Each structure stands twice: as C-alpha cells, then as structure tokens.
Amino acid sequence: MPTVSLYEAKTHLSALVEQAAAGEEIIIAKNGVPKVKLVPVPQPGKRREPSGTLKITHLADDFDAIDQDIIDMFEGKYDTFDGQPDS
C-alpha cells in the first residue's frame, strides 16, 4: 500500500484515482501522518435472477399498485376487530 503526501495527491489525483479504481489501496498523509485511504468502490455483482422455487410464472400488471384498503388500515380508518370501515 503506497503512501503519498497530500501535495503529491493533489498534483497527481487523476492518476491515483485510476490506480485505486484498478484495485490498489493508497494512503494519503499530511505532514507524514496518514489521514485517509483511497480505495476502489465495490462494483455491483451479476444481477440476481429468480430461482423459480415458488413456480411463479406471471406477475399481475397491478402487482405493486397501491392498495387503498391497506392505506386505510394504516391510517386507522378500519375497526381492528371486524375489519370493516369505521363510520
């Protein structure tokens, strides 16, 4: 893990970013004291695919649509005992 001074880091920032993006970790020091570590950002892996375990072959077009009944329940508009709207 190379260590560079703050001045050197400012002067060669673009090259240091490329090195870090390639997987190298770089320490930036101020007055000889390590202050930060420049590291690569983890890249997202392969997109997950459904395994088919539940045998779901179709999702309804309104699958993720807002259900007003559920919103009403959260807002306390339904009686918790009989499931009917409060008057």
Protein backbone atom coordinates (compact mmCIF):
# COMPACT_ATOMS: atom_id res chain seq x y z
CA MET A 1 0.00 0.00 0.00
CA PRO A 2 1.84 3.12 -1.18
CA THR A 3 1.74 6.30 0.87
CA VAL A 4 1.71 9.71 -0.83
CA SER A 5 1.81 13.21 0.60
CA LEU A 6 -1.22 15.46 0.41
CA TYR A 7 0.64 17.75 -2.02
CA GLU A 8 1.53 14.81 -4.26
CA ALA A 9 -2.07 13.54 -4.07
CA LYS A 10 -3.41 16.92 -5.19
CA THR A 11 -0.88 17.08 -8.02
CA HIS A 12 -1.49 13.52 -9.27
CA LEU A 13 -5.09 12.95 -8.19
CA SER A 14 -6.30 11.66 -11.55
CA ALA A 15 -3.53 9.02 -11.73
CA LEU A 16 -4.13 8.00 -8.11
CA VAL A 17 -7.86 7.59 -8.77
CA GLU A 18 -7.07 5.32 -11.74
CA GLN A 19 -4.74 3.24 -9.57
CA ALA A 20 -7.40 2.93 -6.87
CA ALA A 21 -10.06 2.02 -9.44
CA ALA A 22 -7.74 -0.77 -10.61
CA GLY A 23 -7.80 -2.22 -7.08
CA GLU A 24 -4.82 -0.60 -5.39
CA GLU A 25 -5.26 1.00 -1.96
CA ILE A 26 -3.39 4.28 -1.47
CA ILE A 27 -2.71 6.09 1.82
CA ILE A 28 -2.67 9.90 1.75
CA ALA A 29 -0.61 11.52 4.50
CA LYS A 30 -0.42 15.08 5.79
CA ASN A 31 2.91 16.07 7.34
CA GLY A 32 3.89 12.40 7.36
CA VAL A 33 0.79 11.33 9.30
CA PRO A 34 -1.60 9.01 7.44
CA LYS A 35 -5.00 10.68 7.15
CA VAL A 36 -7.09 8.81 4.57
CA LYS A 37 -7.12 5.69 2.44
CA LEU A 38 -8.10 5.87 -1.22
CA VAL A 39 -9.83 2.59 -2.12
CA PRO A 40 -11.91 1.35 -5.05
CA VAL A 41 -15.69 1.46 -4.83
CA PRO A 42 -17.12 -2.08 -4.93
CA GLN A 43 -18.85 -2.77 -8.22
CA PRO A 44 -22.27 -4.43 -8.20
CA GLY A 45 -22.19 -8.10 -9.00
CA LYS A 46 -24.24 -10.00 -11.51
CA ARG A 47 -27.93 -9.17 -11.42
CA ARG A 48 -29.89 -11.71 -9.43
CA GLU A 49 -32.24 -13.98 -11.31
CA PRO A 50 -35.31 -15.58 -9.74
CA SER A 51 -34.70 -19.22 -8.90
CA GLY A 52 -38.17 -20.42 -9.79
CA THR A 53 -38.58 -22.06 -6.38
CA LEU A 54 -42.12 -20.75 -5.94
CA LYS A 55 -43.05 -21.64 -9.52
CA ILE A 56 -44.26 -18.08 -10.17
CA THR A 57 -44.53 -17.60 -13.91
CA HIS A 58 -46.61 -14.41 -14.09
CA LEU A 59 -46.97 -11.21 -12.09
CA ALA A 60 -50.14 -9.17 -12.49
CA ASP A 61 -49.75 -5.74 -14.04
CA ASP A 62 -51.04 -4.16 -10.82
CA PHE A 63 -48.78 -6.28 -8.57
CA ASP A 64 -47.09 -3.27 -6.97
CA ALA A 65 -50.04 -0.89 -7.19
CA ILE A 66 -51.11 0.90 -4.03
CA ASP A 67 -53.95 -0.87 -2.20
CA GLN A 68 -56.22 1.78 -0.71
CA ASP A 69 -57.61 -0.69 1.87
CA ILE A 70 -54.13 -1.21 3.33
CA ILE A 71 -53.51 2.54 3.46
CA ASP A 72 -56.86 2.97 5.25
CA MET A 73 -55.85 0.29 7.77
CA PHE A 74 -52.56 2.06 8.49
CA GLU A 75 -54.40 5.33 8.92
CA GLY A 76 -56.82 3.78 11.42
CA LYS A 77 -59.91 4.02 9.21
CA TYR A 78 -60.80 0.35 9.85
CA ASP A 79 -62.00 -1.14 13.11
CA THR A 80 -59.37 -3.64 14.18
CA PHE A 81 -61.98 -6.17 15.38
CA ASP A 82 -64.36 -6.66 12.46
CA GLY A 83 -62.26 -5.41 9.50
CA GLN A 84 -65.00 -3.01 8.39
CA PRO A 85 -64.54 0.72 7.76
CA ASP A 86 -65.31 2.87 10.81
CA SER A 87 -68.33 5.13 10.47
